[in-house]
Amino acid sequence: MRRSTHSISLPLAAAALLALAAGCDRDNVKVYKVDAGDSAVTTAPPAAVAAPAAATAPGMMPSTMPEGLPVPDNSGLPKLKYTLPAGWSEKPLTQLRVASFAITDGAKAADVSVIPLGGSAGGDAANVNRWRGQVGQPVLDETELKKSVEAAQIGDQPADLYDVAGTNPGSGEDERIVGAILHTDANTWYFKMMGDSALVEKNKPAFVAFLKSVQFQAPTGAAPTGMGMDMSQLPASHPAIPGMDTAATATSAAAADKPAWTVPPDWKEGELMQFLVARYIIAGSGEASAAVNVSQLDGTGGGLLPNLNRWRSQLGQPALSDDDAAKLPTIDATGAKAVVADFTGTDARTGKAARLVGVVLPLNGRTWFYKLMGDPDLVGRQKDALIQFVQSAKYP
């Protein structure tokens, strides 16, 4: 069968979901209808196991989106391009999904979804344990979860893959979930295949190949004036969402007004990537280089510790504890305290030695993330310049 390559736009709604997530977790029994006959895959909430505390943290990936929201305008946003595996069929986009597929084999069915969320989306442990609950498996702590992770690749970026087999708590049928998680500077991407256990196992190689084919492409249209979602469009019956003004538009990093900075003379503006407010490239001697990425998220942006550990994972370093994070130095920046992190390791994308200096600044209901990463010696020489750059910022 012939494979085909497709591209889709990233919906606006996903950019605003970090704040939405805490209020939209309506994980009741859901039925996914498939094209073959009257068969369906039914999933139930993880009631059979105790949900971990982190599962209710603000920013955790919700399972559904409130009904009644308008179709977002995707013009000017990055596009997701991929190679569609043989035997997979595209499904209409619904709720949080930016890609959706059905896999059928007689009465057997599986569902594939792609969902991006802002920040760390509550942390990998909470979301993987939610997946485990959907197939009747108990909650595991982070140490045990790390033992089960498989290395994967989404496009040219390293990702974590989890393979969980069990039974549907509602139907008692054998089910399996194969899910991959990719952390980018501003978002967490969830690629998930779930359904009949044998069918999912059979399609795991195709799923892995699909992940490798994914490309995040630059938008073809003009950049939109805002990438948030107007919360006033929620249905009247929807419960209040903590920290959100339903009459206002939720903001994202790409929509935020750019602060006025004093940019070091040897920093050159680079091409903006998804949801970055600013990007600068620094050239060193020989092939040495580094980049500065600036992004912002509403509220805490998923929390200080998850974001620090996301940076550490990019360097192949183990996670910090709360105590470790509390010992990090701070600087004065625009009348507020910003945390400064300095990590060294191996760049997971290139396999080369790298150093990362990051500054996390909570300010006026938002959190700003400044990340300098690249050649260790060059980053070391540019660390003071990054601090001065952060301290020079004048926010609108």
Protein backbone atom coordinates (compact mmCIF):
# COMPACT_ATOMS: atom_id res chain seq x y z
CA MET A 1 0.00 0.00 0.00
CA ARG A 2 1.20 3.51 -0.79
CA ARG A 3 2.27 5.85 1.95
CA SER A 4 1.39 9.50 1.68
CA THR A 5 2.77 12.64 3.29
CA HIS A 6 0.41 15.09 4.94
CA SER A 7 0.67 18.41 6.70
CA ILE A 8 -1.71 20.14 9.09
CA SER A 9 -1.76 23.38 11.02
CA LEU A 10 -1.36 23.58 14.79
CA PRO A 11 -4.68 24.74 16.29
CA LEU A 12 -4.76 27.92 18.31
CA ALA A 13 -6.49 26.20 21.18
CA ALA A 14 -3.42 24.13 22.06
CA ALA A 15 -1.38 27.25 22.76
CA ALA A 16 -3.75 28.31 25.53
CA LEU A 17 -4.29 24.97 27.25
CA LEU A 18 -1.73 25.26 30.00
CA ALA A 19 -4.16 27.41 31.96
CA LEU A 20 -7.19 25.46 30.73
CA ALA A 21 -6.01 22.04 31.80
CA ALA A 22 -6.94 22.18 35.47
CA GLY A 23 -10.57 22.97 34.68
CA CYS A 24 -11.29 20.66 31.78
CA ASP A 25 -10.46 17.15 32.99
CA ARG A 26 -13.76 15.47 32.19
CA ASP A 27 -12.33 11.98 31.81
CA ASN A 28 -15.62 10.11 31.93
CA VAL A 29 -16.28 7.06 29.76
CA LYS A 30 -15.61 7.94 26.14
CA VAL A 31 -16.53 5.95 23.01
CA TYR A 32 -14.39 6.41 19.90
CA LYS A 33 -16.40 5.26 16.88
CA VAL A 34 -14.44 3.70 14.07
CA ASP A 35 -15.21 3.33 10.41
CA ALA A 36 -15.55 -0.45 10.35
CA GLY A 37 -19.07 -1.60 11.21
CA ASP A 38 -20.48 -0.76 14.61
CA SER A 39 -17.36 -1.62 16.60
CA ALA A 40 -15.96 0.89 19.05
CA VAL A 41 -13.12 1.32 21.49
CA THR A 42 -14.39 2.32 24.91
CA THR A 43 -12.13 3.74 27.57
CA ALA A 44 -12.91 4.43 31.18
CA PRO A 45 -11.32 6.80 33.69
CA PRO A 46 -8.49 5.47 35.87
CA ALA A 47 -10.87 4.91 38.79
CA ALA A 48 -9.36 1.52 39.54
CA VAL A 49 -6.10 3.08 40.73
CA ALA A 50 -5.29 5.97 42.97
CA ALA A 51 -4.37 9.04 40.94
CA PRO A 52 -0.99 10.54 41.83
CA ALA A 53 -0.98 13.94 43.48
CA ALA A 54 0.66 15.48 40.44
CA ALA A 55 -2.26 14.40 38.28
CA THR A 56 -4.32 17.35 39.47
CA ALA A 57 -1.53 19.89 39.14
CA PRO A 58 -2.35 22.96 37.05
CA GLY A 59 -1.10 22.43 33.53
CA MET A 60 -1.56 18.67 33.48
CA MET A 61 -2.68 17.34 30.13
CA PRO A 62 -6.48 17.13 30.09
CA SER A 63 -8.22 14.39 28.21
CA THR A 64 -10.92 16.49 26.59
CA MET A 65 -11.74 20.01 25.49
CA PRO A 66 -15.00 21.76 26.41
CA GLU A 67 -17.65 21.34 23.78
CA GLY A 68 -18.87 24.33 21.81
CA LEU A 69 -15.55 26.02 21.04
CA PRO A 70 -15.20 27.46 17.52
CA VAL A 71 -12.90 25.99 14.91
CA PRO A 72 -9.60 27.86 15.43
CA ASP A 73 -7.95 29.97 12.74
CA ASN A 74 -4.67 28.22 12.04
CA SER A 75 -3.31 30.67 9.47
CA GLY A 76 0.25 31.71 10.13
CA LEU A 77 0.95 28.90 12.61
CA PRO A 78 3.50 26.09 12.30
CA LYS A 79 2.42 23.02 10.37
CA LEU A 80 2.85 19.39 11.31
CA LYS A 81 4.03 17.25 8.40
CA TYR A 82 4.24 13.46 8.51
CA THR A 83 4.18 10.27 6.50
CA LEU A 84 0.91 8.39 6.99
CA PRO A 85 1.55 4.66 7.60
CA ALA A 86 -0.20 2.11 5.44
CA GLY A 87 -3.49 1.01 6.97
CA TRP A 88 -4.01 4.23 8.97
CA SER A 89 -6.85 6.57 8.07
CA GLU A 90 -7.17 10.21 9.06
CA LYS A 91 -10.03 11.20 11.37
CA PRO A 92 -11.60 14.64 11.83
CA LEU A 93 -9.76 16.82 14.33
CA THR A 94 -11.63 17.18 17.59
CA GLN A 95 -10.96 18.66 21.02
CA LEU A 96 -7.23 19.03 21.69
CA ARG A 97 -5.89 17.06 18.74
CA VAL A 98 -3.74 18.43 15.94
CA ALA A 99 -3.66 15.01 14.26
CA SER A 100 -5.99 12.04 14.63
CA PHE A 101 -6.01 8.58 13.02
CA ALA A 102 -7.94 5.34 13.08
CA ILE A 103 -6.48 1.84 12.69
CA THR A 104 -8.86 -1.06 12.05
CA ASP A 105 -8.50 -4.75 11.38
CA GLY A 106 -11.86 -6.48 11.23
CA ALA A 107 -13.51 -5.90 14.60
CA LYS A 108 -10.25 -4.69 16.15
CA ALA A 109 -9.60 -0.96 16.40
CA ALA A 110 -7.02 1.50 17.69
CA ASP A 111 -6.87 5.27 17.93
CA VAL A 112 -3.85 7.55 17.38
CA SER A 113 -3.77 11.12 18.66
CA VAL A 114 -1.31 14.02 18.66
CA ILE A 115 -1.79 16.68 21.34
CA PRO A 116 0.52 19.63 22.15
CA LEU A 117 0.28 21.52 25.45
CA GLY A 118 2.16 24.46 26.91
CA GLY A 119 5.03 24.08 29.37
CA SER A 120 5.59 20.75 31.08
CA ALA A 121 1.83 19.99 31.18
CA GLY A 122 1.97 18.72 34.75
CA GLY A 123 4.97 16.45 34.31
CA ASP A 124 5.59 13.16 32.54
CA ALA A 125 4.96 10.98 35.59
CA ALA A 126 1.43 12.30 36.10
CA ASN A 127 0.48 11.87 32.46
CA VAL A 128 2.06 8.44 31.98
CA ASN A 129 0.30 7.25 35.14
CA ARG A 130 -2.95 8.55 33.68
CA TRP A 131 -2.28 6.38 30.63
CA ARG A 132 -1.55 3.44 32.90
CA GLY A 133 -4.86 3.95 34.68
CA GLN A 134 -6.67 3.82 31.34
CA VAL A 135 -5.52 0.22 30.90
CA GLY A 136 -6.00 -0.77 34.53
CA GLN A 137 -2.36 -0.57 35.60
CA PRO A 138 -1.22 0.78 38.99
CA VAL A 139 0.54 4.08 39.55
CA LEU A 140 4.36 3.95 39.50
CA ASP A 141 6.79 6.42 41.00
CA GLU A 142 9.25 8.29 38.80
CA THR A 143 12.07 5.84 39.48
CA GLU A 144 10.00 2.87 38.29
CA LEU A 145 8.67 4.80 35.29
CA LYS A 146 12.20 5.62 34.16
CA LYS A 147 12.98 1.91 34.08
CA SER A 148 10.19 1.37 31.58
CA VAL A 149 10.99 4.22 29.19
CA GLU A 150 12.22 3.45 25.67
CA ALA A 151 14.28 5.81 23.55
CA ALA A 152 12.40 7.21 20.57
CA GLN A 153 12.80 9.92 17.98
CA ILE A 154 10.17 12.42 16.86
CA GLY A 155 11.52 13.99 13.72
CA ASP A 156 15.15 14.74 14.55
CA GLN A 157 14.54 15.19 18.27
CA PRO A 158 14.90 12.60 21.06
CA ALA A 159 11.73 11.57 22.87
CA ASP A 160 10.57 9.10 25.52
CA LEU A 161 8.32 6.20 24.58
CA TYR A 162 6.12 4.17 26.95
CA ASP A 163 4.46 0.84 26.17
CA VAL A 164 1.72 -0.13 28.63
CA ALA A 165 -0.42 -3.26 28.27
CA GLY A 166 -3.43 -4.11 30.40
CA THR A 167 -7.20 -4.34 30.33
CA ASN A 168 -9.91 -1.77 29.84
CA PRO A 169 -11.39 -1.23 33.35
CA GLY A 170 -14.83 -0.79 31.82
CA SER A 171 -15.01 -3.61 29.26
CA GLY A 172 -12.38 -6.01 30.61
CA GLU A 173 -10.90 -6.36 27.12
CA ASP A 174 -7.15 -6.44 26.52
CA GLU A 175 -5.86 -2.99 25.61
CA ARG A 176 -2.49 -1.41 25.06
CA ILE A 177 -1.10 2.12 24.92
CA VAL A 178 2.08 3.11 23.14
CA GLY A 179 2.79 6.77 23.80
CA ALA A 180 5.68 9.12 23.09
CA ILE A 181 6.44 12.42 24.80
CA LEU A 182 8.52 15.22 23.30
CA HIS A 183 9.55 18.33 25.23
CA THR A 184 10.34 21.47 23.24
CA ASP A 185 11.28 24.87 24.61
CA ALA A 186 7.69 25.97 25.20
CA ASN A 187 5.53 22.86 24.81
CA THR A 188 5.07 19.19 25.50
CA TRP A 189 3.85 16.99 22.63
CA TYR A 190 1.94 13.75 23.28
CA PHE A 191 1.74 11.08 20.55
CA LYS A 192 -0.48 8.23 21.69
CA MET A 193 -1.74 4.98 20.12
CA MET A 194 -4.40 3.14 22.13
CA GLY A 195 -6.73 0.25 21.43
CA ASP A 196 -6.92 -3.50 20.96
CA SER A 197 -3.75 -4.92 22.49
CA ALA A 198 -2.75 -7.17 19.58
CA LEU A 199 -3.48 -4.49 16.98
CA VAL A 200 -1.47 -1.86 18.86
CA GLU A 201 1.45 -4.27 19.24
CA LYS A 202 1.30 -5.06 15.52
CA ASN A 203 1.32 -1.35 14.65
CA LYS A 204 4.11 -0.34 17.03
CA PRO A 205 6.79 -0.38 14.27
CA ALA A 206 4.52 1.78 12.09
CA PHE A 207 3.97 4.14 15.02
CA VAL A 208 7.72 4.48 15.59
CA ALA A 209 8.22 5.15 11.86
CA PHE A 210 5.44 7.75 11.96
CA LEU A 211 7.18 9.53 14.85
CA LYS A 212 10.44 9.70 12.90
CA SER A 213 8.64 11.16 9.88
CA VAL A 214 7.16 14.09 11.79
CA GLN A 215 8.39 17.54 10.80
CA PHE A 216 7.50 20.85 12.44
CA GLN A 217 7.32 23.30 9.56
CA ALA A 218 7.29 27.08 9.53
CA PRO A 219 3.89 28.71 8.87
CA THR A 220 3.02 29.65 5.31
CA GLY A 221 0.72 32.54 6.17
CA ALA A 222 1.20 35.83 7.98
CA ALA A 223 1.68 35.57 11.72
CA PRO A 224 -1.60 35.97 13.58
CA THR A 225 -2.08 38.88 15.92
CA GLY A 226 -2.77 36.52 18.80
CA MET A 227 -2.47 32.80 19.42
CA GLY A 228 -4.65 32.59 22.49
CA MET A 229 -8.21 31.40 22.78
CA ASP A 230 -11.06 33.71 23.77
CA MET A 231 -12.30 32.13 26.98
CA SER A 232 -15.60 34.01 26.71
CA GLN A 233 -16.52 31.43 24.03
CA LEU A 234 -16.75 28.65 26.63
CA PRO A 235 -20.31 27.40 27.12
CA ALA A 236 -22.19 29.07 29.99
CA SER A 237 -22.41 25.78 31.86
CA HIS A 238 -18.63 25.31 31.94
CA PRO A 239 -17.18 25.63 35.46
CA ALA A 240 -14.88 28.51 36.33
CA ILE A 241 -11.22 27.92 35.49
CA PRO A 242 -8.81 28.96 38.27
CA GLY A 243 -6.53 31.80 37.28
CA MET A 244 -8.40 32.57 34.05
CA ASP A 245 -10.57 35.58 33.22
CA THR A 246 -13.16 34.12 30.88
CA ALA A 247 -13.74 37.54 29.35
CA ALA A 248 -10.11 37.88 28.33
CA THR A 249 -7.97 36.22 25.73
CA ALA A 250 -5.42 33.75 27.04
CA THR A 251 -1.97 34.73 25.91
CA SER A 252 0.90 32.61 24.63
CA ALA A 253 4.57 33.25 24.17
CA ALA A 254 4.23 34.03 20.48
CA ALA A 255 1.48 36.56 21.17
CA ALA A 256 3.25 38.34 24.00
CA ASP A 257 4.58 41.86 23.45
CA LYS A 258 8.31 41.74 23.09
CA PRO A 259 10.25 43.44 25.88
CA ALA A 260 12.85 46.09 25.10
CA TRP A 261 16.31 44.61 25.66
CA THR A 262 19.89 45.73 25.31
CA VAL A 263 21.16 43.03 22.97
CA PRO A 264 24.91 42.22 23.04
CA PRO A 265 26.58 43.23 19.76
CA ASP A 266 27.78 39.72 18.93
CA TRP A 267 24.29 38.23 19.22
CA LYS A 268 22.56 37.91 15.86
CA GLU A 269 18.82 37.52 15.52
CA GLY A 270 17.86 34.00 14.54
CA GLU A 271 14.75 32.55 12.94
CA LEU A 272 11.91 32.34 15.43
CA MET A 273 10.80 28.85 16.30
CA GLN A 274 7.40 27.81 17.59
CA PHE A 275 6.15 30.03 20.44
CA LEU A 276 9.47 31.80 20.99
CA VAL A 277 9.41 35.52 21.71
CA ALA A 278 13.02 35.98 20.61
CA ARG A 279 15.98 33.92 19.42
CA TYR A 280 19.63 34.89 19.02
CA ILE A 281 22.58 33.00 17.53
CA ILE A 282 26.11 33.41 18.88
CA ALA A 283 29.07 32.30 16.76
CA GLY A 284 32.34 31.30 18.40
CA SER A 285 35.69 30.24 17.03
CA GLY A 286 35.75 27.32 14.63
CA GLU A 287 32.43 25.49 14.65
CA ALA A 288 31.50 26.56 18.19
CA SER A 289 28.07 28.14 18.49
CA ALA A 290 25.30 28.80 20.98
CA ALA A 291 21.73 30.03 20.91
CA VAL A 292 19.58 32.13 23.20
CA ASN A 293 15.86 31.30 23.28
CA VAL A 294 13.32 33.49 25.05
CA SER A 295 9.77 32.30 25.74
CA GLN A 296 6.99 33.04 28.19
CA LEU A 297 3.95 31.24 29.55
CA ASP A 298 1.03 32.32 31.67
CA GLY A 299 1.15 31.67 35.42
CA THR A 300 3.99 29.46 36.59
CA GLY A 301 4.48 27.88 33.16
CA GLY A 302 4.06 24.42 34.66
CA GLY A 303 6.29 25.05 37.67
CA LEU A 304 9.97 25.80 38.24
CA LEU A 305 11.17 22.26 38.97
CA PRO A 306 9.57 20.54 35.92
CA ASN A 307 11.08 23.16 33.61
CA LEU A 308 14.52 22.90 35.19
CA ASN A 309 14.38 19.13 34.82
CA ARG A 310 13.22 19.48 31.21
CA TRP A 311 16.39 21.49 30.56
CA ARG A 312 18.48 18.88 32.36
CA SER A 313 16.95 16.12 30.25
CA GLN A 314 18.12 17.98 27.14
CA LEU A 315 21.65 17.49 28.47
CA GLY A 316 21.15 13.89 29.57
CA GLN A 317 21.30 14.84 33.24
CA PRO A 318 19.22 13.33 36.08
CA ALA A 319 16.35 15.27 37.60
CA LEU A 320 16.81 17.71 40.45
CA SER A 321 14.85 17.53 43.69
CA ASP A 322 12.89 20.39 45.24
CA ASP A 323 15.76 20.89 47.68
CA ASP A 324 18.25 21.12 44.82
CA ALA A 325 16.14 23.73 43.05
CA ALA A 326 15.79 25.77 46.23
CA LYS A 327 19.60 26.09 46.42
CA LEU A 328 19.98 27.66 42.96
CA PRO A 329 21.18 31.28 42.93
CA THR A 330 18.90 34.19 42.07
CA ILE A 331 19.40 37.60 40.49
CA ASP A 332 17.44 40.85 40.61
CA ALA A 333 15.59 41.40 37.33
CA THR A 334 13.05 44.16 36.79
CA GLY A 335 12.22 44.33 40.48
CA ALA A 336 11.72 40.58 40.79
CA LYS A 337 13.87 37.60 41.70
CA ALA A 338 14.89 35.29 38.86
CA VAL A 339 16.39 31.81 39.33
CA VAL A 340 19.63 31.08 37.47
CA ALA A 341 20.49 27.51 36.48
CA ASP A 342 23.81 26.36 35.01
CA PHE A 343 24.02 22.79 33.72
CA THR A 344 26.57 20.87 31.66
CA GLY A 345 26.23 17.57 29.86
CA THR A 346 25.71 16.12 26.39
CA ASP A 347 23.24 17.62 23.94
CA ALA A 348 20.69 14.85 23.39
CA ARG A 349 20.11 16.01 19.80
CA THR A 350 23.72 16.24 18.62
CA GLY A 351 25.63 13.99 21.01
CA LYS A 352 28.14 16.81 21.61
CA ALA A 353 29.23 18.31 24.91
CA ALA A 354 27.04 21.26 25.82
CA ARG A 355 26.31 23.74 28.57
CA LEU A 356 23.00 25.40 29.40
CA VAL A 357 22.49 28.59 31.40
CA GLY A 358 18.84 29.28 32.06
CA VAL A 359 17.01 32.11 33.81
CA VAL A 360 13.44 31.70 35.06
CA LEU A 361 11.66 34.96 35.88
CA PRO A 362 8.08 35.05 37.26
CA LEU A 363 6.66 38.52 36.62
CA ASN A 364 3.16 40.01 36.54
CA GLY A 365 1.30 36.71 36.24
CA ARG A 366 3.65 35.27 33.62
CA THR A 367 6.89 33.31 33.68
CA TRP A 368 9.73 34.21 31.35
CA PHE A 369 12.28 31.58 30.30
CA TYR A 370 15.71 32.59 29.01
CA LYS A 371 17.92 29.74 27.80
CA LEU A 372 21.51 29.99 26.56
CA MET A 373 22.73 26.64 25.26
CA GLY A 374 25.59 25.42 23.11
CA ASP A 375 29.35 24.93 23.11
CA PRO A 376 30.45 24.75 26.79
CA ASP A 377 33.31 27.25 26.53
CA LEU A 378 31.29 29.73 24.49
CA VAL A 379 28.33 29.52 26.87
CA GLY A 380 30.70 30.08 29.79
CA ARG A 381 32.02 33.26 28.18
CA GLN A 382 28.49 34.47 27.38
CA LYS A 383 26.93 33.79 30.78
CA ASP A 384 27.46 37.32 32.09
CA ALA A 385 26.10 38.74 28.84
CA LEU A 386 22.93 36.67 29.29
CA ILE A 387 22.47 37.95 32.86
CA GLN A 388 22.91 41.55 31.70
CA PHE A 389 20.50 40.94 28.84
CA VAL A 390 17.82 39.67 31.25
CA GLN A 391 18.40 42.57 33.65
CA SER A 392 18.14 45.11 30.83
CA ALA A 393 14.62 44.02 29.88
CA LYS A 394 11.79 46.55 30.07
CA TYR A 395 8.47 44.74 29.89
CA PRO A 396 5.34 46.31 28.38
